[in-house]
Amino acid sequence: TLSHHLDKLRQVGVITAEKDRQWIWYSVQSETLKSLIDFLYEEC
């Protein structure tokens, strides 16, 4: 279930995945979140 949700978030660019030896680290793409907020405030 987690894998499915992580994949969906990665597909839309909200998170990135980086392999480090045997682990996969996930982190937020803050620029993507910022662009969402910018979009909402664009006309305001």
PDB file of all heavy atoms in Angstrom:
ATOM      1  N   THR A   1       0.839  -1.204   0.000  1.00  0.00           N
ATOM      2  CA  THR A   1       0.000   0.000   0.000  1.00  0.00           C
ATOM      3  C   THR A   1       0.871   1.249   0.000  1.00  0.00           C
ATOM      4  O   THR A   1       0.626   2.193  -0.757  1.00  0.00           O
ATOM      5  CB  THR A   1      -0.933  -0.006   1.224  1.00  0.00           C
ATOM      6  OG1 THR A   1      -1.723  -1.182   1.185  1.00  0.00           O
ATOM      7  CG2 THR A   1      -1.830   1.218   1.242  1.00  0.00           C
ATOM      8  N   LEU A   2       1.903   1.246   0.843  1.00  0.00           N
ATOM      9  CA  LEU A   2       2.820   2.385   0.890  1.00  0.00           C
ATOM     10  C   LEU A   2       3.493   2.583  -0.457  1.00  0.00           C
ATOM     11  O   LEU A   2       3.578   3.708  -0.956  1.00  0.00           O
ATOM     12  CB  LEU A   2       3.877   2.179   1.982  1.00  0.00           C
ATOM     13  CG  LEU A   2       4.931   3.280   2.071  1.00  0.00           C
ATOM     14  CD1 LEU A   2       4.300   4.621   2.425  1.00  0.00           C
ATOM     15  CD2 LEU A   2       6.000   2.899   3.076  1.00  0.00           C
ATOM     16  N   SER A   3       3.943   1.505  -1.054  1.00  0.00           N
ATOM     17  CA  SER A   3       4.602   1.581  -2.363  1.00  0.00           C
ATOM     18  C   SER A   3       3.686   2.225  -3.403  1.00  0.00           C
ATOM     19  O   SER A   3       4.113   3.066  -4.189  1.00  0.00           O
ATOM     20  CB  SER A   3       5.016   0.181  -2.801  1.00  0.00           C
ATOM     21  OG  SER A   3       5.629   0.220  -4.054  1.00  0.00           O
ATOM     22  N   HIS A   4       2.422   1.837  -3.390  1.00  0.00           N
ATOM     23  CA  HIS A   4       1.442   2.414  -4.321  1.00  0.00           C
ATOM     24  C   HIS A   4       1.311   3.924  -4.116  1.00  0.00           C
ATOM     25  O   HIS A   4       1.353   4.698  -5.074  1.00  0.00           O
ATOM     26  CB  HIS A   4       0.088   1.724  -4.120  1.00  0.00           C
ATOM     27  CG  HIS A   4      -1.059   2.431  -4.748  1.00  0.00           C
ATOM     28  ND1 HIS A   4      -1.300   2.373  -6.109  1.00  0.00           N
ATOM     29  CD2 HIS A   4      -2.019   3.228  -4.223  1.00  0.00           C
ATOM     30  CE1 HIS A   4      -2.371   3.117  -6.386  1.00  0.00           C
ATOM     31  NE2 HIS A   4      -2.823   3.634  -5.259  1.00  0.00           N
ATOM     32  N   HIS A   5       1.176   4.347  -2.856  1.00  0.00           N
ATOM     33  CA  HIS A   5       1.009   5.772  -2.575  1.00  0.00           C
ATOM     34  C   HIS A   5       2.269   6.559  -2.896  1.00  0.00           C
ATOM     35  O   HIS A   5       2.195   7.663  -3.452  1.00  0.00           O
ATOM     36  CB  HIS A   5       0.609   5.979  -1.118  1.00  0.00           C
ATOM     37  CG  HIS A   5      -0.780   5.534  -0.815  1.00  0.00           C
ATOM     38  ND1 HIS A   5      -1.886   5.983  -1.510  1.00  0.00           N
ATOM     39  CD2 HIS A   5      -1.249   4.654   0.109  1.00  0.00           C
ATOM     40  CE1 HIS A   5      -2.975   5.415  -1.029  1.00  0.00           C
ATOM     41  NE2 HIS A   5      -2.613   4.602  -0.038  1.00  0.00           N
ATOM     42  N   LEU A   6       3.424   6.019  -2.574  1.00  0.00           N
ATOM     43  CA  LEU A   6       4.682   6.700  -2.895  1.00  0.00           C
ATOM     44  C   LEU A   6       4.840   6.858  -4.401  1.00  0.00           C
ATOM     45  O   LEU A   6       5.284   7.897  -4.889  1.00  0.00           O
ATOM     46  CB  LEU A   6       5.868   5.946  -2.300  1.00  0.00           C
ATOM     47  CG  LEU A   6       5.985   5.974  -0.778  1.00  0.00           C
ATOM     48  CD1 LEU A   6       7.062   4.995  -0.317  1.00  0.00           C
ATOM     49  CD2 LEU A   6       6.278   7.379  -0.268  1.00  0.00           C
ATOM     50  N   ASP A   7       4.457   5.832  -5.142  1.00  0.00           N
ATOM     51  CA  ASP A   7       4.557   5.894  -6.600  1.00  0.00           C
ATOM     52  C   ASP A   7       3.643   6.976  -7.164  1.00  0.00           C
ATOM     53  O   ASP A   7       4.044   7.726  -8.057  1.00  0.00           O
ATOM     54  CB  ASP A   7       4.225   4.535  -7.214  1.00  0.00           C
ATOM     55  CG  ASP A   7       4.552   4.491  -8.689  1.00  0.00           C
ATOM     56  OD1 ASP A   7       5.675   4.910  -9.073  1.00  0.00           O
ATOM     57  OD2 ASP A   7       3.689   4.045  -9.483  1.00  0.00           O
ATOM     58  N   LYS A   8       2.430   7.077  -6.651  1.00  0.00           N
ATOM     59  CA  LYS A   8       1.504   8.121  -7.120  1.00  0.00           C
ATOM     60  C   LYS A   8       2.072   9.513  -6.850  1.00  0.00           C
ATOM     61  O   LYS A   8       2.015  10.393  -7.709  1.00  0.00           O
ATOM     62  CB  LYS A   8       0.147   7.993  -6.431  1.00  0.00           C
ATOM     63  CG  LYS A   8      -0.671   6.829  -6.902  1.00  0.00           C
ATOM     64  CD  LYS A   8      -1.235   7.111  -8.265  1.00  0.00           C
ATOM     65  CE  LYS A   8      -2.243   6.032  -8.633  1.00  0.00           C
ATOM     66  NZ  LYS A   8      -2.777   6.213  -9.967  1.00  0.00           N
ATOM     67  N   LEU A   9       2.628   9.705  -5.660  1.00  0.00           N
ATOM     68  CA  LEU A   9       3.205  11.016  -5.327  1.00  0.00           C
ATOM     69  C   LEU A   9       4.433  11.317  -6.180  1.00  0.00           C
ATOM     70  O   LEU A   9       4.669  12.461  -6.561  1.00  0.00           O
ATOM     71  CB  LEU A   9       3.557  11.064  -3.840  1.00  0.00           C
ATOM     72  CG  LEU A   9       2.364  11.085  -2.887  1.00  0.00           C
ATOM     73  CD1 LEU A   9       2.816  10.864  -1.449  1.00  0.00           C
ATOM     74  CD2 LEU A   9       1.585  12.381  -3.026  1.00  0.00           C
ATOM     75  N   ARG A  10       5.197  10.307  -6.482  1.00  0.00           N
ATOM     76  CA  ARG A  10       6.384  10.489  -7.324  1.00  0.00           C
ATOM     77  C   ARG A  10       5.986  10.821  -8.764  1.00  0.00           C
ATOM     78  O   ARG A  10       6.596  11.664  -9.410  1.00  0.00           O
ATOM     79  CB  ARG A  10       7.251   9.230  -7.274  1.00  0.00           C
ATOM     80  CG  ARG A  10       8.673   9.439  -7.710  1.00  0.00           C
ATOM     81  CD  ARG A  10       9.551   8.225  -7.478  1.00  0.00           C
ATOM     82  NE  ARG A  10       8.947   6.947  -7.812  1.00  0.00           N
ATOM     83  CZ  ARG A  10       8.801   6.474  -9.049  1.00  0.00           C
ATOM     84  NH1 ARG A  10       9.225   7.162 -10.070  1.00  0.00           N
ATOM     85  NH2 ARG A  10       8.245   5.294  -9.257  1.00  0.00           N
ATOM     86  N   GLN A  11       4.935  10.183  -9.256  1.00  0.00           N
ATOM     87  CA  GLN A  11       4.467  10.427 -10.625  1.00  0.00           C
ATOM     88  C   GLN A  11       4.072  11.878 -10.859  1.00  0.00           C
ATOM     89  O   GLN A  11       4.281  12.409 -11.951  1.00  0.00           O
ATOM     90  CB  GLN A  11       3.278   9.520 -10.963  1.00  0.00           C
ATOM     91  CG  GLN A  11       3.643   8.085 -11.186  1.00  0.00           C
ATOM     92  CD  GLN A  11       2.405   7.210 -11.389  1.00  0.00           C
ATOM     93  OE1 GLN A  11       1.276   7.698 -11.461  1.00  0.00           O
ATOM     94  NE2 GLN A  11       2.624   5.917 -11.474  1.00  0.00           N
ATOM     95  N   VAL A  12       3.500  12.515  -9.854  1.00  0.00           N
ATOM     96  CA  VAL A  12       3.072  13.910 -10.022  1.00  0.00           C
ATOM     97  C   VAL A  12       4.143  14.897  -9.571  1.00  0.00           C
ATOM     98  O   VAL A  12       3.923  16.107  -9.591  1.00  0.00           O
ATOM     99  CB  VAL A  12       1.725  14.205  -9.308  1.00  0.00           C
ATOM    100  CG1 VAL A  12       0.596  13.408  -9.938  1.00  0.00           C
ATOM    101  CG2 VAL A  12       1.825  13.971  -7.818  1.00  0.00           C
ATOM    102  N   GLY A  13       5.287  14.401  -9.136  1.00  0.00           N
ATOM    103  CA  GLY A  13       6.417  15.271  -8.820  1.00  0.00           C
ATOM    104  C   GLY A  13       6.416  15.856  -7.422  1.00  0.00           C
ATOM    105  O   GLY A  13       7.172  16.777  -7.143  1.00  0.00           O
ATOM    106  N   VAL A  14       5.601  15.312  -6.521  1.00  0.00           N
ATOM    107  CA  VAL A  14       5.556  15.828  -5.153  1.00  0.00           C
ATOM    108  C   VAL A  14       6.735  15.304  -4.337  1.00  0.00           C
ATOM    109  O   VAL A  14       7.250  16.002  -3.475  1.00  0.00           O
ATOM    110  CB  VAL A  14       4.212  15.469  -4.474  1.00  0.00           C
ATOM    111  CG1 VAL A  14       4.227  15.804  -2.994  1.00  0.00           C
ATOM    112  CG2 VAL A  14       3.076  16.193  -5.170  1.00  0.00           C
ATOM    113  N   ILE A  15       7.153  14.082  -4.627  1.00  0.00           N
ATOM    114  CA  ILE A  15       8.290  13.512  -3.908  1.00  0.00           C
ATOM    115  C   ILE A  15       9.299  12.954  -4.891  1.00  0.00           C
ATOM    116  O   ILE A  15       8.988  12.724  -6.061  1.00  0.00           O
ATOM    117  CB  ILE A  15       7.866  12.399  -2.914  1.00  0.00           C
ATOM    118  CG1 ILE A  15       7.276  11.194  -3.647  1.00  0.00           C
ATOM    119  CG2 ILE A  15       6.892  12.944  -1.877  1.00  0.00           C
ATOM    120  CD1 ILE A  15       7.032   9.997  -2.757  1.00  0.00           C
ATOM    121  N   THR A  16      10.510  12.740  -4.396  1.00  0.00           N
ATOM    122  CA  THR A  16      11.539  12.069  -5.178  1.00  0.00           C
ATOM    123  C   THR A  16      12.005  10.851  -4.400  1.00  0.00           C
ATOM    124  O   THR A  16      11.858  10.778  -3.176  1.00  0.00           O
ATOM    125  CB  THR A  16      12.756  12.975  -5.435  1.00  0.00           C
ATOM    126  OG1 THR A  16      13.303  13.379  -4.186  1.00  0.00           O
ATOM    127  CG2 THR A  16      12.384  14.186  -6.246  1.00  0.00           C
ATOM    128  N   ALA A  17      12.576   9.912  -5.123  1.00  0.00           N
ATOM    129  CA  ALA A  17      13.113   8.698  -4.524  1.00  0.00           C
ATOM    130  C   ALA A  17      14.578   8.581  -4.921  1.00  0.00           C
ATOM    131  O   ALA A  17      14.922   8.785  -6.084  1.00  0.00           O
ATOM    132  CB  ALA A  17      12.340   7.480  -5.011  1.00  0.00           C
ATOM    133  N   GLU A  18      15.404   8.268  -3.948  1.00  0.00           N
ATOM    134  CA  GLU A  18      16.836   8.121  -4.214  1.00  0.00           C
ATOM    135  C   GLU A  18      17.337   6.863  -3.507  1.00  0.00           C
ATOM    136  O   GLU A  18      17.168   6.718  -2.302  1.00  0.00           O
ATOM    137  CB  GLU A  18      17.578   9.346  -3.702  1.00  0.00           C
ATOM    138  CG  GLU A  18      19.017   9.380  -4.124  1.00  0.00           C
ATOM    139  CD  GLU A  18      19.672  10.695  -3.761  1.00  0.00           C
ATOM    140  OE1 GLU A  18      19.052  11.749  -3.977  1.00  0.00           O
ATOM    141  OE2 GLU A  18      20.811  10.646  -3.262  1.00  0.00           O
ATOM    142  N   LYS A  19      17.937   5.985  -4.272  1.00  0.00           N
ATOM    143  CA  LYS A  19      18.454   4.738  -3.714  1.00  0.00           C
ATOM    144  C   LYS A  19      19.798   4.995  -3.041  1.00  0.00           C
ATOM    145  O   LYS A  19      20.672   5.639  -3.588  1.00  0.00           O
ATOM    146  CB  LYS A  19      18.601   3.687  -4.805  1.00  0.00           C
ATOM    147  CG  LYS A  19      18.909   2.309  -4.264  1.00  0.00           C
ATOM    148  CD  LYS A  19      18.687   1.264  -5.330  1.00  0.00           C
ATOM    149  CE  LYS A  19      19.100  -0.096  -4.856  1.00  0.00           C
ATOM    150  NZ  LYS A  19      18.180  -0.752  -3.972  1.00  0.00           N
ATOM    151  N   ASP A  20      19.932   4.487  -1.820  1.00  0.00           N
ATOM    152  CA  ASP A  20      21.177   4.579  -1.064  1.00  0.00           C
ATOM    153  C   ASP A  20      21.479   3.186  -0.518  1.00  0.00           C
ATOM    154  O   ASP A  20      20.867   2.772   0.476  1.00  0.00           O
ATOM    155  CB  ASP A  20      21.031   5.591   0.077  1.00  0.00           C
ATOM    156  CG  ASP A  20      22.292   5.703   0.920  1.00  0.00           C
ATOM    157  OD1 ASP A  20      23.391   5.465   0.383  1.00  0.00           O
ATOM    158  OD2 ASP A  20      22.172   6.012   2.119  1.00  0.00           O
ATOM    159  N   ARG A  21      22.365   2.495  -1.181  1.00  0.00           N
ATOM    160  CA  ARG A  21      22.651   1.089  -0.875  1.00  0.00           C
ATOM    161  C   ARG A  21      21.368   0.279  -0.982  1.00  0.00           C
ATOM    162  O   ARG A  21      20.772   0.230  -2.039  1.00  0.00           O
ATOM    163  CB  ARG A  21      23.357   0.943   0.455  1.00  0.00           C
ATOM    164  CG  ARG A  21      24.745   1.559   0.452  1.00  0.00           C
ATOM    165  CD  ARG A  21      25.361   1.479   1.794  1.00  0.00           C
ATOM    166  NE  ARG A  21      24.645   2.403   2.684  1.00  0.00           N
ATOM    167  CZ  ARG A  21      25.229   3.189   3.550  1.00  0.00           C
ATOM    168  NH1 ARG A  21      26.515   3.158   3.688  1.00  0.00           N
ATOM    169  NH2 ARG A  21      24.525   3.998   4.296  1.00  0.00           N
ATOM    170  N   GLN A  22      20.928  -0.327   0.119  1.00  0.00           N
ATOM    171  CA  GLN A  22      19.723  -1.161   0.037  1.00  0.00           C
ATOM    172  C   GLN A  22      18.436  -0.404   0.363  1.00  0.00           C
ATOM    173  O   GLN A  22      17.363  -0.974   0.306  1.00  0.00           O
ATOM    174  CB  GLN A  22      19.852  -2.400   0.937  1.00  0.00           C
ATOM    175  CG  GLN A  22      19.793  -2.134   2.418  1.00  0.00           C
ATOM    176  CD  GLN A  22      21.165  -1.942   3.039  1.00  0.00           C
ATOM    177  OE1 GLN A  22      22.088  -1.456   2.402  1.00  0.00           O
ATOM    178  NE2 GLN A  22      21.286  -2.304   4.300  1.00  0.00           N
ATOM    179  N   TRP A  23      18.522   0.870   0.723  1.00  0.00           N
ATOM    180  CA  TRP A  23      17.347   1.653   1.097  1.00  0.00           C
ATOM    181  C   TRP A  23      16.977   2.643  -0.004  1.00  0.00           C
ATOM    182  O   TRP A  23      17.821   3.128  -0.737  1.00  0.00           O
ATOM    183  CB  TRP A  23      17.603   2.442   2.379  1.00  0.00           C
ATOM    184  CG  TRP A  23      17.817   1.561   3.567  1.00  0.00           C
ATOM    185  CD1 TRP A  23      16.870   0.863   4.256  1.00  0.00           C
ATOM    186  CD2 TRP A  23      19.067   1.276   4.194  1.00  0.00           C
ATOM    187  NE1 TRP A  23      17.451   0.161   5.277  1.00  0.00           N
ATOM    188  CE2 TRP A  23      18.808   0.394   5.264  1.00  0.00           C
ATOM    189  CE3 TRP A  23      20.380   1.664   3.959  1.00  0.00           C
ATOM    190  CZ2 TRP A  23      19.794  -0.089   6.090  1.00  0.00           C
ATOM    191  CZ3 TRP A  23      21.369   1.181   4.780  1.00  0.00           C
ATOM    192  CH2 TRP A  23      21.073   0.317   5.834  1.00  0.00           C
ATOM    193  N   ILE A  24      15.705   2.954  -0.038  1.00  0.00           N
ATOM    194  CA  ILE A  24      15.219   4.020  -0.911  1.00  0.00           C
ATOM    195  C   ILE A  24      14.723   5.138   0.004  1.00  0.00           C
ATOM    196  O   ILE A  24      13.861   4.924   0.853  1.00  0.00           O
ATOM    197  CB  ILE A  24      14.100   3.555  -1.848  1.00  0.00           C
ATOM    198  CG1 ILE A  24      14.613   2.434  -2.760  1.00  0.00           C
ATOM    199  CG2 ILE A  24      13.575   4.722  -2.681  1.00  0.00           C
ATOM    200  CD1 ILE A  24      13.555   1.840  -3.662  1.00  0.00           C
ATOM    201  N   TRP A  25      15.326   6.299  -0.171  1.00  0.00           N
ATOM    202  CA  TRP A  25      14.956   7.482   0.613  1.00  0.00           C
ATOM    203  C   TRP A  25      13.990   8.325  -0.195  1.00  0.00           C
ATOM    204  O   TRP A  25      14.204   8.577  -1.384  1.00  0.00           O
ATOM    205  CB  TRP A  25      16.200   8.297   0.941  1.00  0.00           C
ATOM    206  CG  TRP A  25      17.009   7.695   2.037  1.00  0.00           C
ATOM    207  CD1 TRP A  25      17.783   6.574   1.958  1.00  0.00           C
ATOM    208  CD2 TRP A  25      17.110   8.163   3.367  1.00  0.00           C
ATOM    209  NE1 TRP A  25      18.363   6.313   3.164  1.00  0.00           N
ATOM    210  CE2 TRP A  25      17.972   7.285   4.061  1.00  0.00           C
ATOM    211  CE3 TRP A  25      16.564   9.237   4.055  1.00  0.00           C
ATOM    212  CZ2 TRP A  25      18.291   7.449   5.391  1.00  0.00           C
ATOM    213  CZ3 TRP A  25      16.888   9.403   5.386  1.00  0.00           C
ATOM    214  CH2 TRP A  25      17.735   8.517   6.046  1.00  0.00           C
ATOM    215  N   TYR A  26      12.960   8.804   0.468  1.00  0.00           N
ATOM    216  CA  TYR A  26      11.962   9.659  -0.158  1.00  0.00           C
ATOM    217  C   TYR A  26      12.022  11.038   0.472  1.00  0.00           C
ATOM    218  O   TYR A  26      12.196  11.179   1.684  1.00  0.00           O
ATOM    219  CB  TYR A  26      10.559   9.069   0.019  1.00  0.00           C
ATOM    220  CG  TYR A  26      10.380   7.796  -0.765  1.00  0.00           C
ATOM    221  CD1 TYR A  26      10.693   6.560  -0.203  1.00  0.00           C
ATOM    222  CD2 TYR A  26       9.936   7.830  -2.082  1.00  0.00           C
ATOM    223  CE1 TYR A  26      10.552   5.392  -0.928  1.00  0.00           C
ATOM    224  CE2 TYR A  26       9.792   6.663  -2.818  1.00  0.00           C
ATOM    225  CZ  TYR A  26      10.104   5.452  -2.231  1.00  0.00           C
ATOM    226  OH  TYR A  26       9.970   4.305  -2.957  1.00  0.00           O
ATOM    227  N   SER A  27      11.889  12.049  -0.368  1.00  0.00           N
ATOM    228  CA  SER A  27      11.874  13.419   0.134  1.00  0.00           C
ATOM    229  C   SER A  27      10.891  14.246  -0.689  1.00  0.00           C
ATOM    230  O   SER A  27      10.556  13.905  -1.823  1.00  0.00           O
ATOM    231  CB  SER A  27      13.267  14.046   0.091  1.00  0.00           C
ATOM    232  OG  SER A  27      13.758  14.046  -1.223  1.00  0.00           O
ATOM    233  N   VAL A  28      10.440  15.323  -0.077  1.00  0.00           N
ATOM    234  CA  VAL A  28       9.470  16.209  -0.715  1.00  0.00           C
ATOM    235  C   VAL A  28      10.181  17.128  -1.696  1.00  0.00           C
ATOM    236  O   VAL A  28      11.281  17.619  -1.434  1.00  0.00           O
ATOM    237  CB  VAL A  28       8.732  17.043   0.359  1.00  0.00           C
ATOM    238  CG1 VAL A  28       7.897  18.131  -0.276  1.00  0.00           C
ATOM    239  CG2 VAL A  28       7.876  16.154   1.223  1.00  0.00           C
ATOM    240  N   GLN A  29       9.556  17.351  -2.820  1.00  0.00           N
ATOM    241  CA  GLN A  29      10.006  18.345  -3.788  1.00  0.00           C
ATOM    242  C   GLN A  29       9.350  19.665  -3.396  1.00  0.00           C
ATOM    243  O   GLN A  29       8.221  19.956  -3.795  1.00  0.00           O
ATOM    244  CB  GLN A  29       9.563  17.950  -5.196  1.00  0.00           C
ATOM    245  CG  GLN A  29      10.353  16.828  -5.796  1.00  0.00           C
ATOM    246  CD  GLN A  29      11.699  17.333  -6.251  1.00  0.00           C
ATOM    247  OE1 GLN A  29      12.574  17.617  -5.441  1.00  0.00           O
ATOM    248  NE2 GLN A  29      11.877  17.439  -7.531  1.00  0.00           N
ATOM    249  N   SER A  30      10.033  20.445  -2.603  1.00  0.00           N
ATOM    250  CA  SER A  30       9.424  21.675  -2.097  1.00  0.00           C
ATOM    251  C   SER A  30       9.046  22.640  -3.219  1.00  0.00           C
ATOM    252  O   SER A  30       8.076  23.399  -3.089  1.00  0.00           O
ATOM    253  CB  SER A  30      10.338  22.354  -1.080  1.00  0.00           C
ATOM    254  OG  SER A  30      11.599  22.609  -1.630  1.00  0.00           O
ATOM    255  N   GLU A  31       9.764  22.617  -4.314  1.00  0.00           N
ATOM    256  CA  GLU A  31       9.421  23.495  -5.443  1.00  0.00           C
ATOM    257  C   GLU A  31       8.058  23.143  -6.031  1.00  0.00           C
ATOM    258  O   GLU A  31       7.326  24.029  -6.471  1.00  0.00           O
ATOM    259  CB  GLU A  31      10.503  23.453  -6.525  1.00  0.00           C
ATOM    260  CG  GLU A  31      11.742  24.240  -6.165  1.00  0.00           C
ATOM    261  CD  GLU A  31      11.436  25.711  -5.885  1.00  0.00           C
ATOM    262  OE1 GLU A  31      10.723  26.352  -6.686  1.00  0.00           O
ATOM    263  OE2 GLU A  31      11.903  26.211  -4.854  1.00  0.00           O
ATOM    264  N   THR A  32       7.715  21.863  -6.040  1.00  0.00           N
ATOM    265  CA  THR A  32       6.397  21.463  -6.540  1.00  0.00           C
ATOM    266  C   THR A  32       5.309  22.000  -5.635  1.00  0.00           C
ATOM    267  O   THR A  32       4.310  22.563  -6.104  1.00  0.00           O
ATOM    268  CB  THR A  32       6.294  19.930  -6.625  1.00  0.00           C
ATOM    269  OG1 THR A  32       7.288  19.446  -7.527  1.00  0.00           O
ATOM    270  CG2 THR A  32       4.923  19.485  -7.104  1.00  0.00           C
ATOM    271  N   LEU A  33       5.495  21.872  -4.327  1.00  0.00           N
ATOM    272  CA  LEU A  33       4.498  22.396  -3.389  1.00  0.00           C
ATOM    273  C   LEU A  33       4.400  23.912  -3.487  1.00  0.00           C
ATOM    274  O   LEU A  33       3.306  24.478  -3.435  1.00  0.00           O
ATOM    275  CB  LEU A  33       4.830  21.957  -1.970  1.00  0.00           C
ATOM    276  CG  LEU A  33       4.782  20.448  -1.726  1.00  0.00           C
ATOM    277  CD1 LEU A  33       5.145  20.137  -0.284  1.00  0.00           C
ATOM    278  CD2 LEU A  33       3.435  19.865  -2.091  1.00  0.00           C
ATOM    279  N   LYS A  34       5.538  24.565  -3.662  1.00  0.00           N
ATOM    280  CA  LYS A  34       5.537  26.019  -3.815  1.00  0.00           C
ATOM    281  C   LYS A  34       4.772  26.424  -5.071  1.00  0.00           C
ATOM    282  O   LYS A  34       4.006  27.388  -5.058  1.00  0.00           O
ATOM    283  CB  LYS A  34       6.956  26.555  -3.868  1.00  0.00           C
ATOM    284  CG  LYS A  34       7.023  28.077  -3.955  1.00  0.00           C
ATOM    285  CD  LYS A  34       8.452  28.547  -4.071  1.00  0.00           C
ATOM    286  CE  LYS A  34       8.583  30.030  -4.225  1.00  0.00           C
ATOM    287  NZ  LYS A  34       7.718  30.651  -5.214  1.00  0.00           N
ATOM    288  N   SER A  35       4.945  25.677  -6.155  1.00  0.00           N
ATOM    289  CA  SER A  35       4.242  26.018  -7.394  1.00  0.00           C
ATOM    290  C   SER A  35       2.734  25.841  -7.249  1.00  0.00           C
ATOM    291  O   SER A  35       1.958  26.575  -7.861  1.00  0.00           O
ATOM    292  CB  SER A  35       4.777  25.208  -8.574  1.00  0.00           C
ATOM    293  OG  SER A  35       4.412  23.855  -8.471  1.00  0.00           O
ATOM    294  N   LEU A  36       2.300  24.892  -6.420  1.00  0.00           N
ATOM    295  CA  LEU A  36       0.865  24.740  -6.161  1.00  0.00           C
ATOM    296  C   LEU A  36       0.315  25.960  -5.434  1.00  0.00           C
ATOM    297  O   LEU A  36      -0.749  26.475  -5.782  1.00  0.00           O
ATOM    298  CB  LEU A  36       0.608  23.482  -5.330  1.00  0.00           C
ATOM    299  CG  LEU A  36       0.888  22.146  -5.991  1.00  0.00           C
ATOM    300  CD1 LEU A  36       0.669  21.020  -4.989  1.00  0.00           C
ATOM    301  CD2 LEU A  36       0.041  21.946  -7.226  1.00  0.00           C
ATOM    302  N   ILE A  37       1.043  26.407  -4.444  1.00  0.00           N
ATOM    303  CA  ILE A  37       0.616  27.592  -3.700  1.00  0.00           C
ATOM    304  C   ILE A  37       0.639  28.823  -4.596  1.00  0.00           C
ATOM    305  O   ILE A  37      -0.292  29.629  -4.593  1.00  0.00           O
ATOM    306  CB  ILE A  37       1.492  27.782  -2.448  1.00  0.00           C
ATOM    307  CG1 ILE A  37       1.216  26.636  -1.471  1.00  0.00           C
ATOM    308  CG2 ILE A  37       1.238  29.137  -1.791  1.00  0.00           C
ATOM    309  CD1 ILE A  37       2.193  26.534  -0.343  1.00  0.00           C
ATOM    310  N   ASP A  38       1.693  28.956  -5.388  1.00  0.00           N
ATOM    311  CA  ASP A  38       1.784  30.086  -6.325  1.00  0.00           C
ATOM    312  C   ASP A  38       0.607  30.080  -7.293  1.00  0.00           C
ATOM    313  O   ASP A  38       0.046  31.132  -7.606  1.00  0.00           O
ATOM    314  CB  ASP A  38       3.094  30.041  -7.104  1.00  0.00           C
ATOM    315  CG  ASP A  38       4.301  30.371  -6.248  1.00  0.00           C
ATOM    316  OD1 ASP A  38       4.123  30.870  -5.111  1.00  0.00           O
ATOM    317  OD2 ASP A  38       5.435  30.108  -6.710  1.00  0.00           O
ATOM    318  N   PHE A  39       0.229  28.902  -7.770  1.00  0.00           N
ATOM    319  CA  PHE A  39      -0.905  28.788  -8.688  1.00  0.00           C
ATOM    320  C   PHE A  39      -2.182  29.298  -8.022  1.00  0.00           C
ATOM    321  O   PHE A  39      -2.962  30.030  -8.627  1.00  0.00           O
ATOM    322  CB  PHE A  39      -1.081  27.340  -9.143  1.00  0.00           C
ATOM    323  CG  PHE A  39      -2.338  27.123  -9.928  1.00  0.00           C
ATOM    324  CD1 PHE A  39      -2.398  27.484 -11.267  1.00  0.00           C
ATOM    325  CD2 PHE A  39      -3.461  26.581  -9.336  1.00  0.00           C
ATOM    326  CE1 PHE A  39      -3.565  27.302 -12.004  1.00  0.00           C
ATOM    327  CE2 PHE A  39      -4.626  26.394 -10.056  1.00  0.00           C
ATOM    328  CZ  PHE A  39      -4.684  26.762 -11.397  1.00  0.00           C
ATOM    329  N   LEU A  40      -2.400  28.907  -6.761  1.00  0.00           N
ATOM    330  CA  LEU A  40      -3.608  29.342  -6.070  1.00  0.00           C
ATOM    331  C   LEU A  40      -3.669  30.837  -5.859  1.00  0.00           C
ATOM    332  O   LEU A  40      -4.731  31.451  -5.918  1.00  0.00           O
ATOM    333  CB  LEU A  40      -3.721  28.619  -4.711  1.00  0.00           C
ATOM    334  CG  LEU A  40      -3.966  27.110  -4.786  1.00  0.00           C
ATOM    335  CD1 LEU A  40      -3.923  26.524  -3.387  1.00  0.00           C
ATOM    336  CD2 LEU A  40      -5.289  26.808  -5.472  1.00  0.00           C
ATOM    337  N   TYR A  41      -2.500  31.455  -5.652  1.00  0.00           N
ATOM    338  CA  TYR A  41      -2.455  32.894  -5.389  1.00  0.00           C
ATOM    339  C   TYR A  41      -2.213  33.731  -6.641  1.00  0.00           C
ATOM    340  O   TYR A  41      -2.164  34.947  -6.557  1.00  0.00           O
ATOM    341  CB  TYR A  41      -1.350  33.200  -4.359  1.00  0.00           C
ATOM    342  CG  TYR A  41      -1.788  32.957  -2.948  1.00  0.00           C
ATOM    343  CD1 TYR A  41      -1.514  31.760  -2.312  1.00  0.00           C
ATOM    344  CD2 TYR A  41      -2.495  33.930  -2.256  1.00  0.00           C
ATOM    345  CE1 TYR A  41      -1.925  31.532  -1.010  1.00  0.00           C
ATOM    346  CE2 TYR A  41      -2.906  33.718  -0.951  1.00  0.00           C
ATOM    347  CZ  TYR A  41      -2.625  32.514  -0.340  1.00  0.00           C
ATOM    348  OH  TYR A  41      -3.034  32.286   0.938  1.00  0.00           O
ATOM    349  N   GLU A  42      -2.077  33.098  -7.780  1.00  0.00           N
ATOM    350  CA  GLU A  42      -1.736  33.794  -9.017  1.00  0.00           C
ATOM    351  C   GLU A  42      -2.660  34.951  -9.346  1.00  0.00           C
ATOM    352  O   GLU A  42      -2.226  36.009  -9.788  1.00  0.00           O
ATOM    353  CB  GLU A  42      -1.728  32.789 -10.174  1.00  0.00           C
ATOM    354  CG  GLU A  42      -1.094  33.273 -11.430  1.00  0.00           C
ATOM    355  CD  GLU A  42      -0.959  32.135 -12.411  1.00  0.00           C
ATOM    356  OE1 GLU A  42      -1.917  31.919 -13.171  1.00  0.00           O
ATOM    357  OE2 GLU A  42       0.081  31.460 -12.390  1.00  0.00           O
ATOM    358  N   GLU A  43      -3.928  34.790  -9.132  1.00  0.00           N
ATOM    359  CA  GLU A  43      -4.912  35.815  -9.505  1.00  0.00           C
ATOM    360  C   GLU A  43      -5.319  36.682  -8.311  1.00  0.00           C
ATOM    361  O   GLU A  43      -6.225  37.478  -8.400  1.00  0.00           O
ATOM    362  CB  GLU A  43      -6.164  35.164 -10.095  1.00  0.00           C
ATOM    363  CG  GLU A  43      -5.889  34.341 -11.347  1.00  0.00           C
ATOM    364  CD  GLU A  43      -5.395  35.175 -12.514  1.00  0.00           C
ATOM    365  OE1 GLU A  43      -5.829  36.324 -12.662  1.00  0.00           O
ATOM    366  OE2 GLU A  43      -4.567  34.656 -13.278  1.00  0.00           O
ATOM    367  N   CYS A  44      -4.637  36.499  -7.215  1.00  0.00           N
ATOM    368  CA  CYS A  44      -5.033  37.156  -5.967  1.00  0.00           C
ATOM    369  C   CYS A  44      -3.990  38.182  -5.540  1.00  0.00           C
ATOM    370  O   CYS A  44      -2.845  38.120  -5.919  1.00  0.00           O
ATOM    371  CB  CYS A  44      -5.188  36.075  -4.890  1.00  0.00           C
ATOM    372  SG  CYS A  44      -5.399  36.725  -3.235  1.00  0.00           S
TER     373      CYS A  44
END
